[in-house]
Protein backbone atom coordinates (compact mmCIF):
# COMPACT_ATOMS: atom_id res chain seq x y z
CA MET A 1 27.13 -100.53 152.92
CA SER A 2 27.37 -101.51 156.12
CA TYR A 3 24.22 -100.95 158.53
CA LEU A 4 25.44 -101.58 161.85
CA LEU A 5 25.13 -99.33 164.88
CA HIS A 6 28.27 -98.85 165.58
CA SER A 7 29.45 -98.35 161.71
CA LEU A 8 27.68 -94.46 162.57
CA LEU A 9 30.39 -93.31 164.63
CA PHE A 10 33.27 -95.02 162.40
CA ASN A 11 31.85 -93.41 159.43
CA GLN A 12 32.32 -90.27 161.36
CA VAL A 13 35.95 -91.19 162.18
CA ASP A 14 36.56 -91.45 158.29
CA LEU A 15 34.38 -88.48 157.32
CA ARG A 16 35.49 -85.84 160.34
CA PRO A 17 38.06 -87.78 162.35
CA GLU A 18 38.68 -83.96 164.31
CA HIS A 19 35.28 -82.59 164.60
CA THR A 20 34.32 -82.87 168.67
CA ALA A 21 32.10 -85.89 169.12
CA LEU A 22 31.45 -85.85 172.54
CA ILE A 23 31.75 -82.89 175.52
CA TYR A 24 31.59 -84.20 179.26
CA LYS A 25 32.75 -81.41 182.01
CA GLN A 26 35.81 -79.81 180.70
CA GLU A 27 36.86 -82.82 178.28
CA GLN A 28 35.90 -83.04 175.04
CA LEU A 29 36.87 -86.07 172.52
CA ASP A 30 37.30 -85.63 168.74
CA TYR A 31 35.54 -88.66 166.68
CA ARG A 32 39.23 -89.99 165.72
CA GLU A 33 40.00 -90.42 169.49
CA LEU A 34 36.43 -91.89 170.48
CA GLY A 35 36.92 -93.95 167.95
CA HIS A 36 39.93 -95.32 169.04
CA ARG A 37 38.54 -95.65 172.85
CA VAL A 38 35.66 -97.84 171.67
CA SER A 39 37.83 -99.78 169.89
CA ASN A 40 40.08 -100.64 173.12
CA PHE A 41 36.58 -101.32 174.72
CA ALA A 42 35.72 -103.73 171.78
CA ASN A 43 39.23 -105.48 171.91
CA GLY A 44 38.56 -106.07 176.04
CA TYR A 45 35.29 -107.77 175.08
CA ALA A 46 36.72 -110.21 172.73
CA HIS A 47 39.14 -111.27 174.76
CA THR A 48 36.94 -112.38 176.89
CA SER A 49 35.72 -115.17 174.66
CA LEU A 50 32.05 -114.42 175.12
CA PRO A 51 29.60 -115.65 172.54
CA LYS A 52 28.47 -112.85 169.88
CA GLY A 53 25.33 -111.10 171.44
CA SER A 54 26.33 -111.61 175.08
CA ARG A 55 24.65 -108.96 177.18
CA VAL A 56 26.89 -106.24 178.57
CA GLY A 57 25.30 -103.90 181.68
CA VAL A 58 26.51 -100.58 181.85
CA TYR A 59 25.28 -98.92 185.09
CA LEU A 60 27.04 -95.53 185.12
CA THR A 61 26.30 -91.89 185.13
CA LYS A 62 26.76 -90.28 181.63
CA GLN A 63 30.26 -90.01 181.27
CA VAL A 64 32.98 -90.63 178.51
CA GLU A 65 33.54 -94.42 179.99
CA THR A 66 29.30 -94.77 179.40
CA VAL A 67 29.40 -94.07 175.29
CA CYS A 68 32.47 -96.02 175.13
CA ALA A 69 31.27 -99.17 176.67
CA PHE A 70 27.84 -98.95 174.77
CA PHE A 71 29.77 -98.62 171.13
CA GLY A 72 32.39 -101.00 172.12
CA THR A 73 30.05 -103.67 173.10
CA LEU A 74 28.23 -103.18 169.64
CA THR A 75 31.93 -103.20 167.74
CA GLY A 76 32.66 -106.62 169.64
CA GLY A 77 29.96 -107.99 168.79
CA GLY A 78 27.97 -107.87 172.11
CA CYS A 79 24.39 -106.46 172.95
CA MET A 80 24.57 -103.70 175.57
CA VAL A 81 21.76 -103.28 178.29
CA PRO A 82 21.89 -99.53 179.44
CA ILE A 83 20.86 -99.55 183.41
CA ASN A 84 19.47 -96.49 184.61
CA PRO A 85 22.14 -95.18 187.32
CA VAL A 86 19.20 -94.15 189.55
CA LEU A 87 18.06 -97.42 190.22
CA LYS A 88 18.66 -99.63 193.25
CA ALA A 89 19.80 -102.77 193.69
CA ASP A 90 16.56 -104.96 193.53
CA GLN A 91 15.59 -103.42 189.98
CA VAL A 92 19.65 -103.81 188.51
CA GLN A 93 19.56 -107.52 190.05
CA HIS A 94 16.15 -107.98 187.83
CA ILE A 95 17.66 -106.68 184.92
CA MET A 96 20.89 -108.88 185.25
CA LEU A 97 19.21 -111.93 186.10
CA ASP A 98 16.74 -111.40 183.50
CA CYS A 99 19.07 -111.24 180.31
CA ASP A 100 22.13 -113.28 182.11
CA VAL A 101 24.35 -109.96 182.01
CA SER A 102 27.60 -111.38 181.75
CA ILE A 103 29.93 -107.86 181.83
CA LEU A 104 28.98 -105.17 184.17
CA VAL A 105 30.37 -101.68 183.70
CA THR A 106 29.99 -99.34 186.84
CA SER A 107 31.58 -97.59 189.29
CA LEU A 108 33.07 -98.17 192.84
CA ALA A 109 29.81 -96.21 194.40
CA ARG A 110 27.64 -98.41 192.53
CA LEU A 111 29.50 -101.86 193.16
CA HIS A 112 29.29 -101.37 196.73
CA GLN A 113 25.46 -100.64 196.53
CA LEU A 114 24.87 -104.33 194.83
CA ALA A 115 27.43 -106.05 196.85
CA ASP A 116 24.65 -108.18 198.30
CA ILE A 117 23.31 -109.16 194.91
CA ILE A 118 26.57 -110.00 192.84
CA GLU A 119 26.87 -113.35 194.38
CA HIS A 120 23.40 -114.38 192.83
CA CYS A 121 24.24 -113.37 189.45
CA PRO A 122 25.49 -116.67 187.75
CA HIS A 123 26.04 -115.49 184.32
CA LEU A 124 28.51 -112.39 185.69
CA ILE A 125 31.83 -112.91 184.33
CA ARG A 126 33.51 -109.66 184.80
CA ILE A 127 33.12 -106.71 186.48
CA VAL A 128 34.75 -103.19 184.70
CA LEU A 129 35.47 -100.56 186.96
CA VAL A 130 35.76 -96.91 185.45
CA ASP A 131 37.57 -95.99 189.11
CA PHE A 132 39.36 -99.07 189.97
CA ASN A 133 40.97 -99.06 193.23
CA ALA A 134 42.41 -102.20 194.63
CA ASP A 135 42.36 -101.55 198.47
CA LYS A 136 38.84 -100.67 198.22
CA ILE A 137 37.94 -104.29 196.58
CA LYS A 138 39.95 -106.76 198.26
CA ASN A 139 37.49 -107.35 200.49
CA TYR A 140 34.73 -108.40 198.27
CA ARG A 141 34.12 -111.82 197.74
CA PHE A 142 33.92 -111.59 194.12
CA ALA A 143 37.22 -109.56 193.59
CA ASP A 144 38.58 -112.24 191.57
CA ILE A 145 35.95 -111.10 188.87
CA ILE A 146 36.94 -107.12 189.02
CA VAL A 147 39.24 -105.85 186.60
CA ASP A 148 40.50 -102.02 186.12
CA TRP A 149 38.54 -100.31 183.10
CA ASN A 150 42.16 -99.41 181.81
CA GLU A 151 43.31 -102.87 182.08
CA PHE A 152 40.23 -104.08 180.25
CA CYS A 153 40.52 -101.51 177.35
CA SER A 154 44.52 -102.06 177.31
CA THR A 155 44.47 -106.06 175.68
CA ALA A 156 46.37 -106.27 172.61
CA ASN A 157 43.88 -105.92 169.38
CA SER A 158 41.93 -108.90 168.78
CA THR A 159 43.01 -111.07 165.86
CA GLU A 160 39.33 -112.09 164.91
CA THR A 161 36.69 -109.81 163.72
CA PRO A 162 33.21 -110.81 164.81
CA ASN A 163 30.83 -111.68 161.77
CA ILE A 164 27.86 -108.86 162.85
CA ILE A 165 25.20 -108.54 160.71
CA GLU A 166 21.99 -105.96 160.81
CA THR A 167 19.52 -108.46 162.40
CA ASP A 168 21.78 -108.96 165.30
CA LEU A 169 20.77 -108.10 168.73
CA ALA A 170 22.05 -104.37 169.68
CA ALA A 171 20.49 -103.46 172.69
CA ILE A 172 17.73 -104.36 175.40
CA PHE A 173 16.30 -101.30 176.76
CA TYR A 174 13.84 -102.16 179.89
CA THR A 175 10.48 -100.86 180.29
CA SER A 176 7.72 -100.90 182.66
CA GLY A 177 4.62 -102.47 181.72
CA SER A 178 1.46 -102.40 184.17
CA THR A 179 2.20 -105.54 185.75
CA GLY A 180 4.90 -106.92 187.39
CA LYS A 181 9.22 -106.26 186.93
CA PRO A 182 10.29 -104.39 183.83
CA LYS A 183 10.56 -105.67 180.51
CA GLY A 184 13.41 -106.19 178.25
CA VAL A 185 12.51 -104.76 174.61
CA VAL A 186 15.24 -106.28 172.15
CA LEU A 187 16.22 -104.27 169.40
CA THR A 188 18.26 -105.24 166.61
CA HIS A 189 21.25 -103.36 165.08
CA HIS A 190 18.94 -102.54 162.14
CA ASN A 191 15.89 -101.30 164.38
CA MET A 192 18.14 -98.36 166.18
CA ARG A 193 20.28 -97.56 162.95
CA VAL A 194 16.67 -96.75 160.97
CA GLY A 195 15.53 -94.99 164.13
CA ALA A 196 18.25 -92.67 164.51
CA GLU A 197 18.32 -91.87 160.95
CA SER A 198 14.45 -91.55 160.71
CA VAL A 199 14.97 -89.12 163.72
CA ALA A 200 18.24 -87.25 162.17
CA GLU A 201 16.24 -86.68 158.96
CA TYR A 202 12.81 -84.65 160.54
CA GLN A 203 15.14 -82.88 162.86
CA CYS A 204 17.45 -81.69 159.91
CA ASN A 205 20.85 -82.51 162.33
CA THR A 206 23.81 -81.47 160.98
CA GLU A 207 27.22 -81.79 162.07
CA HIS A 208 27.11 -78.01 163.29
CA ASP A 209 24.30 -78.98 166.10
CA ARG A 210 25.49 -79.43 169.71
CA ILE A 211 22.86 -81.85 171.35
CA LEU A 212 22.64 -81.27 175.26
CA ALA A 213 21.98 -85.35 176.53
CA ALA A 214 20.15 -84.60 179.75
CA LEU A 215 17.52 -87.40 179.78
CA PRO A 216 18.83 -91.06 180.76
CA PHE A 217 20.59 -93.23 178.38
CA SER A 218 18.48 -96.35 179.71
CA PHE A 219 15.63 -94.63 177.73
CA ASP A 220 15.82 -95.29 174.37
CA TYR A 221 14.74 -91.29 173.76
CA GLY A 222 17.85 -90.23 176.02
CA PHE A 223 19.96 -92.50 173.87
CA SER A 224 18.88 -91.44 171.09
CA GLN A 225 20.56 -88.42 171.13
CA LEU A 226 23.88 -90.03 170.72
CA THR A 227 22.90 -91.95 167.60
CA THR A 228 21.24 -89.20 166.33
CA ALA A 229 24.21 -87.04 166.53
CA MET A 230 26.45 -89.48 164.82
CA VAL A 231 24.16 -89.84 161.71
CA ALA A 232 25.38 -86.17 160.94
CA GLY A 233 28.69 -85.77 162.67
CA ALA A 234 27.21 -83.32 165.63
CA SER A 235 28.67 -83.03 168.98
CA VAL A 236 27.26 -84.41 172.46
CA ILE A 237 27.11 -82.34 175.35
CA LEU A 238 26.93 -85.33 178.33
CA LEU A 239 24.81 -84.00 181.21
CA ASP A 240 23.43 -85.58 184.59
CA TYR A 241 21.54 -82.84 186.09
CA LEU A 242 20.35 -82.50 189.87
CA LEU A 243 18.40 -79.38 189.28
CA PRO A 244 16.64 -77.95 186.01
CA LYS A 245 18.92 -75.06 186.30
CA ASP A 246 21.69 -77.27 185.59
CA VAL A 247 19.99 -77.72 182.04
CA ILE A 248 19.86 -74.51 181.27
CA ASN A 249 23.49 -74.04 182.77
CA ALA A 250 24.58 -76.29 180.44
CA ALA A 251 22.98 -75.25 177.39
CA ASP A 252 24.04 -71.64 177.88
CA LYS A 253 27.92 -72.86 178.44
CA TYR A 254 28.08 -75.38 175.95
CA GLN A 255 26.07 -73.08 173.24
CA ALA A 256 23.66 -76.33 172.85
CA THR A 257 21.70 -76.26 169.29
CA GLY A 258 19.20 -78.98 170.73
CA LEU A 259 17.34 -80.42 173.59
CA ALA A 260 15.52 -83.23 174.16
CA GLY A 261 12.93 -83.35 177.51
CA VAL A 262 10.08 -84.54 178.87
CA PRO A 263 7.08 -82.70 180.27
CA PRO A 264 8.02 -82.29 183.88
CA LEU A 265 11.70 -80.81 182.63
CA TRP A 266 10.10 -78.59 180.34
CA MET A 267 7.55 -77.18 182.97
CA GLN A 268 10.34 -77.06 185.41
CA ILE A 269 12.92 -75.06 183.42
CA THR A 270 9.93 -72.37 182.22
CA LYS A 271 9.80 -71.31 185.59
CA LEU A 272 13.37 -69.87 185.32
CA LYS A 273 15.40 -67.24 184.54
CA TRP A 274 16.97 -67.84 180.79
CA PRO A 275 20.28 -66.53 179.62
CA ALA A 276 19.53 -64.43 176.78
CA SER A 277 22.45 -66.83 175.02
CA ILE A 278 20.12 -69.84 174.94
CA GLN A 279 17.25 -68.20 172.49
CA GLU A 280 20.15 -67.30 169.87
CA ASN A 281 21.49 -70.93 170.18
CA ILE A 282 19.07 -73.56 171.13
CA ARG A 283 17.64 -74.45 166.85
CA TYR A 284 15.29 -77.24 168.14
CA ILE A 285 14.36 -78.41 171.29
CA THR A 286 12.24 -81.85 171.05
CA ASN A 287 9.20 -83.20 173.43
CA SER A 288 8.29 -87.14 174.25
CA GLY A 289 7.19 -89.30 177.33
CA GLY A 290 3.78 -87.35 177.44
CA ALA A 291 1.48 -84.36 176.18
CA MET A 292 3.27 -81.13 176.41
CA PRO A 293 0.88 -79.02 178.43
CA GLN A 294 -0.28 -75.94 176.42
CA THR A 295 0.90 -73.34 179.41
CA THR A 296 4.08 -74.99 179.13
CA LEU A 297 4.27 -75.01 175.28
CA SER A 298 3.25 -71.44 175.32
CA ILE A 299 6.23 -70.39 177.37
CA LEU A 300 8.67 -72.09 175.30
CA GLN A 301 7.27 -70.50 172.22
CA GLU A 302 7.57 -67.13 173.93
CA ARG A 303 11.42 -67.74 175.29
CA LEU A 304 12.29 -69.54 172.14
CA PRO A 305 10.41 -67.18 169.15
CA ASN A 306 13.56 -68.67 166.58
CA THR A 307 13.37 -72.02 167.80
CA ASP A 308 11.66 -75.55 166.12
CA ILE A 309 9.63 -77.03 168.45
CA TYR A 310 8.92 -81.12 167.75
CA LEU A 311 6.18 -82.35 169.59
CA MET A 312 6.51 -86.39 169.44
CA TYR A 313 5.03 -90.06 170.73
CA GLY A 314 7.17 -92.84 170.52
CA LEU A 315 6.88 -96.10 172.85
CA THR A 316 10.16 -98.24 173.50
CA GLU A 317 8.72 -101.32 171.59
CA ALA A 318 9.40 -99.46 168.08
CA PHE A 319 11.28 -96.28 169.51
CA ARG A 320 9.44 -93.34 167.85
CA SER A 321 6.18 -93.47 166.08
CA THR A 322 4.87 -89.94 165.47
CA TYR A 323 5.95 -86.25 165.47
CA LEU A 324 4.32 -83.05 164.43
CA PRO A 325 6.43 -80.81 162.31
CA PRO A 326 7.12 -77.55 163.94
CA ASP A 327 5.18 -75.72 161.38
CA GLN A 328 1.91 -77.36 162.94
CA VAL A 329 2.31 -76.49 166.36
CA ASN A 330 0.29 -73.26 166.12
CA ILE A 331 -2.07 -74.69 164.10
CA ARG A 332 -3.11 -77.97 166.19
CA PRO A 333 -0.61 -77.66 169.44
CA THR A 334 -2.61 -81.08 171.18
CA SER A 335 -1.67 -83.24 167.94
CA MET A 336 0.97 -86.06 168.19
CA GLY A 337 1.35 -85.52 164.55
CA LYS A 338 2.10 -88.30 162.15
CA ALA A 339 4.09 -91.15 161.42
CA ILE A 340 7.61 -90.38 161.51
CA PRO A 341 10.09 -91.25 158.16
CA ASN A 342 10.24 -94.93 157.58
CA ALA A 343 7.02 -96.03 160.13
CA GLU A 344 3.59 -96.65 159.28
CA ILE A 345 0.99 -95.70 161.78
CA PHE A 346 -2.73 -96.72 162.07
CA VAL A 347 -5.70 -96.87 164.22
CA ILE A 348 -7.35 -99.76 164.70
CA ASN A 349 -11.06 -100.27 166.54
CA SER A 350 -11.93 -103.72 168.40
CA ASN A 351 -13.26 -105.19 165.18
CA GLY A 352 -10.02 -105.21 163.66
CA GLU A 353 -11.19 -102.22 161.22
CA GLU A 354 -8.93 -98.88 160.75
CA CYS A 355 -11.06 -96.38 162.38
CA LYS A 356 -12.58 -93.15 160.16
CA PRO A 357 -11.57 -90.00 161.32
CA GLU A 358 -12.35 -88.64 165.35
CA GLU A 359 -13.15 -92.66 166.23
CA VAL A 360 -11.00 -93.57 169.05
CA GLY A 361 -9.04 -97.00 168.57
CA GLU A 362 -5.37 -97.97 169.16
CA LEU A 363 -2.54 -97.03 168.02
CA VAL A 364 -0.31 -99.53 165.66
CA HIS A 365 3.04 -99.12 164.54
CA ARG A 366 4.40 -101.07 161.45
CA GLY A 367 7.69 -101.07 159.79
CA PRO A 368 11.33 -101.23 160.61
CA LEU A 369 11.50 -99.86 163.56
CA VAL A 370 9.57 -102.35 165.58
CA GLY A 371 11.50 -104.42 168.01
CA GLN A 372 11.97 -108.16 168.38
CA GLY A 373 9.53 -108.62 170.88
CA TYR A 374 10.27 -108.84 175.01
CA TRP A 375 13.71 -110.82 176.29
CA ASN A 376 12.41 -114.31 177.12
CA ASP A 377 9.10 -113.47 177.43
CA PRO A 378 6.57 -115.23 174.77
CA GLN A 379 3.37 -114.78 176.37
CA LYS A 380 3.72 -110.74 176.55
CA THR A 381 5.58 -110.82 173.21
CA ALA A 382 2.94 -112.08 171.73
CA GLU A 383 0.54 -109.91 173.34
CA ARG A 384 1.71 -106.82 172.38
CA TYR A 385 3.63 -108.13 168.78
CA LYS A 386 1.04 -109.12 165.94
CA PRO A 387 0.64 -109.06 162.27
CA LEU A 388 -2.21 -106.06 161.33
CA PRO A 389 -5.89 -107.44 160.43
CA ALA A 390 -6.20 -109.25 156.91
CA SER A 391 -8.85 -106.65 156.17
CA ILE A 392 -6.25 -103.90 156.62
CA CYS A 393 -3.60 -105.54 154.05
CA ASP A 394 -6.07 -106.30 151.59
CA GLY A 395 -6.99 -109.50 152.68
CA ARG A 396 -3.34 -110.97 152.32
CA THR A 397 -1.64 -113.41 154.41
CA VAL A 398 0.83 -111.36 156.71
CA THR A 399 3.37 -112.37 159.13
CA GLU A 400 4.95 -109.41 159.92
CA LEU A 401 4.46 -108.45 163.22
CA ALA A 402 3.22 -104.39 164.51
CA VAL A 403 3.54 -103.06 167.81
CA TRP A 404 -0.04 -102.64 169.07
CA SER A 405 0.89 -99.71 171.59
CA GLY A 406 -2.18 -100.04 174.16
CA ASP A 407 -2.85 -96.49 173.73
CA SER A 408 -5.93 -95.07 172.48
CA VAL A 409 -5.82 -92.10 170.14
CA LYS A 410 -7.46 -90.84 167.30
CA LYS A 411 -7.30 -89.14 164.11
CA ASP A 412 -8.20 -85.92 162.43
CA ALA A 413 -9.97 -86.02 158.36
CA GLU A 414 -6.18 -84.30 157.60
CA GLY A 415 -4.64 -87.18 159.29
CA TYR A 416 -3.17 -86.10 162.00
CA LEU A 417 -3.12 -88.09 165.34
CA TYR A 418 -4.22 -86.88 168.94
CA PHE A 419 -3.34 -89.21 172.33
CA VAL A 420 -6.61 -90.25 173.92
CA SER A 421 -5.62 -92.06 176.95
CA ARG A 422 -3.75 -95.74 177.76
CA THR A 423 -5.91 -98.47 178.05
CA ASP A 424 -3.56 -100.26 181.08
CA GLU A 425 -3.00 -98.99 184.31
CA MET A 426 0.46 -97.83 183.49
CA ILE A 427 1.60 -94.64 185.64
CA LYS A 428 3.35 -92.08 183.51
CA THR A 429 5.27 -89.54 185.89
CA SER A 430 8.25 -87.34 184.93
CA GLY A 431 8.78 -89.09 182.04
CA TYR A 432 8.91 -92.40 183.31
CA ARG A 433 6.56 -95.25 182.74
CA VAL A 434 5.92 -97.06 186.06
CA SER A 435 4.37 -100.45 186.94
CA PRO A 436 1.94 -100.14 189.66
CA THR A 437 2.59 -103.60 190.56
CA GLU A 438 6.26 -102.89 191.29
CA ILE A 439 5.33 -100.52 193.77
CA GLU A 440 2.85 -102.47 195.17
CA GLU A 441 4.94 -105.73 195.47
CA THR A 442 7.61 -103.52 197.32
CA MET A 443 5.17 -102.21 200.05
CA LEU A 444 4.08 -105.65 200.51
CA LYS A 445 7.59 -106.83 201.67
CA LEU A 446 7.20 -104.17 204.58
CA ASP A 447 6.28 -106.30 207.24
CA TYR A 448 3.60 -103.90 208.97
CA ILE A 449 1.49 -103.34 205.51
CA SER A 450 -0.94 -105.68 204.91
CA GLU A 451 -2.34 -104.68 201.24
CA ALA A 452 -1.32 -101.88 198.72
CA VAL A 453 -2.61 -100.34 195.73
CA ALA A 454 -0.77 -98.11 193.58
CA MET A 455 -2.13 -95.61 190.66
CA GLY A 456 -1.48 -92.29 189.22
CA VAL A 457 -3.62 -89.23 189.76
CA PRO A 458 -2.94 -85.79 187.84
CA HIS A 459 0.12 -83.93 188.93
CA ALA A 460 0.24 -80.59 186.93
CA GLU A 461 4.06 -81.18 187.06
CA LEU A 462 4.42 -84.86 186.62
CA GLY A 463 2.06 -85.57 184.58
CA GLN A 464 0.75 -88.01 187.33
CA ALA A 465 1.65 -88.79 191.16
CA ILE A 466 1.98 -91.89 192.17
CA VAL A 467 -0.37 -92.32 194.89
CA VAL A 468 -0.57 -95.94 197.16
CA ALA A 469 -3.26 -96.31 199.26
CA ALA A 470 -3.06 -99.64 201.95
CA THR A 471 -3.45 -101.03 204.82
CA SER A 472 -1.36 -101.61 207.66
CA ASN A 473 -1.27 -103.63 211.36
CA SER A 474 0.53 -100.38 213.13
CA ASN A 475 -0.93 -96.99 213.56
CA ALA A 476 -1.17 -94.96 210.22
CA ASP A 477 0.67 -92.18 210.87
CA ALA A 478 3.82 -94.30 212.09
CA ALA A 479 2.99 -96.86 209.28
CA THR A 480 2.86 -94.10 206.68
CA LYS A 481 6.24 -92.50 208.02
CA SER A 482 7.94 -95.66 208.11
CA ALA A 483 6.78 -96.87 204.55
CA MET A 484 7.89 -93.60 203.07
CA ALA A 485 11.83 -94.29 204.74
CA ASP A 486 11.72 -97.61 203.83
CA LEU A 487 10.45 -97.64 199.99
CA LYS A 488 13.55 -95.07 199.89
CA LYS A 489 15.83 -97.92 200.34
CA HIS A 490 14.16 -100.01 197.67
CA LEU A 491 12.84 -97.76 195.05
CA PRO A 492 14.42 -95.14 192.70
CA PRO A 493 13.38 -91.35 193.50
CA TYR A 494 10.98 -91.31 190.56
CA MET A 495 9.03 -94.71 191.58
CA LEU A 496 8.31 -93.16 195.27
CA PRO A 497 5.04 -92.27 195.90
CA GLN A 498 3.92 -88.62 196.36
CA LYS A 499 1.36 -89.80 198.96
CA ILE A 500 0.90 -93.04 201.22
CA ALA A 501 -2.61 -93.23 202.60
CA ILE A 502 -3.29 -95.88 205.20
CA LEU A 503 -7.17 -96.78 205.25
CA GLU A 504 -9.03 -99.19 207.47
CA LYS A 505 -10.11 -101.02 204.69
CA ILE A 506 -9.07 -101.16 200.23
CA PRO A 507 -12.86 -101.22 198.47
CA ARG A 508 -13.17 -104.42 196.60
CA ASN A 509 -15.52 -104.95 193.40
CA ALA A 510 -18.31 -107.57 193.12
CA ASN A 511 -15.46 -109.59 191.69
CA GLY A 512 -13.73 -109.33 195.34
CA LYS A 513 -10.85 -107.46 193.18
CA PHE A 514 -9.73 -104.29 194.33
CA ASP A 515 -12.00 -101.45 193.16
CA ARG A 516 -8.88 -99.49 191.92
CA LYS A 517 -11.89 -96.95 190.12
CA GLN A 518 -13.36 -96.24 193.33
CA LEU A 519 -9.97 -95.98 194.66
CA TYR A 520 -9.18 -93.27 191.95
CA LEU A 521 -12.09 -91.69 192.34
CA GLN A 522 -10.90 -90.78 195.86
CA PHE A 523 -7.61 -89.49 195.26
CA GLU A 524 -7.98 -88.17 192.08
CA ASN A 525 -8.06 -84.45 193.25
CA SER A 526 -4.94 -84.71 195.96
CA PHE A 527 -2.96 -82.46 194.22
CA LYS A 528 -5.06 -80.00 192.58
């Protein structure tokens, strides 16, 4: 039996070829046609003669070609790298250089944004444009490596089938840490396949589901809407929304039965008027990327009385860790639940012992969903991926690596988990994990900024709002206005601060380091 991720798709090509796989605006593709287009992209990949496991960056909005590039890469033996379409050139360059992207799939508009960085990506041998226009690319110095999507996908069938096994690389998902640039989490076919099947199992997905994919595919949570659907032979509705009402309108128009969201999205859409049909169609909703506010949960329960609500916790390093069954939501609405199928979750204290009920410790995830570490970063991998203590393994010598989440949690007497806090300085905003260091480094590139400290403070809708305290050699008001404008050129919208405060000096502690705690206390009520 094949345990490759793309075999989920081709299983459905055999089982239900005429069933709708993708819905994109006015276009619908059945599983047979999707399988055909994916195979065409795989042939194009094969004819580049790249080694197995070569990285293919996909820098596109959610559209049919995006899905075909993902699964065509896997079918051809490559490793897909989903790149968030809202990222700017600096972030895209970091990803492409970090994992040596060989093929980039993108559009003309996005290629134009990347024009200044392409020549600094030495491993890039092909750029595949979904909206190729010869006149618009002829002046690029790298025009010789640009190819039309249709041409790339029209090559003759490959005579060689790559030998792919389940422990081969499938994907690299980039996630921010509390320090430095985003890190690439390496996942195998086995990791992702088990994850898809585990989630589809507890969500009870079937071929009758129509899943609205509103989250970015660069999130493992967003990408799993595709793979979970393919486990069951369900349909996926592709949506890039500008406004929260677009999600509601799409759910109504396409009669969606499933919707995944993050807390800020749920908070925004609960303020809108909903068509009655949504209540009739939505079978389940899921939440991850932060705790669901209780007032928002109450409104969703009132609006969707017949809908199953799954409250979940996950981290890219191990995909998904826990879920709270819908029948427990009223009983323990602040809980993260228990381990998902095929995962084992521990709460471990600083002595390396499993915590007693109500004792706070670090969440540690063991099992086949645990990723392979961070791409090309053995130091950070060793910090996060470690064996369980021998005391928890009955004294056995264990070499299997678990993921140490960096999150403080506790467990009640019945084994249900509750989030307490993060142990690092990561900012969690709008469902994104944002590195304060990355924002600070961008601020310090501005010649009128001398020092900068970024932090997350409580915000009712965003979870945390980004605040930057800085010093400047210019007038404070002018520096604030200029910084806001300049940051928009270099950072995606979700990384932009809601507040920039120009101070005479930034407080320091006894060791001469920035006193982040004092700064946090100064700004923690900025949005209350």
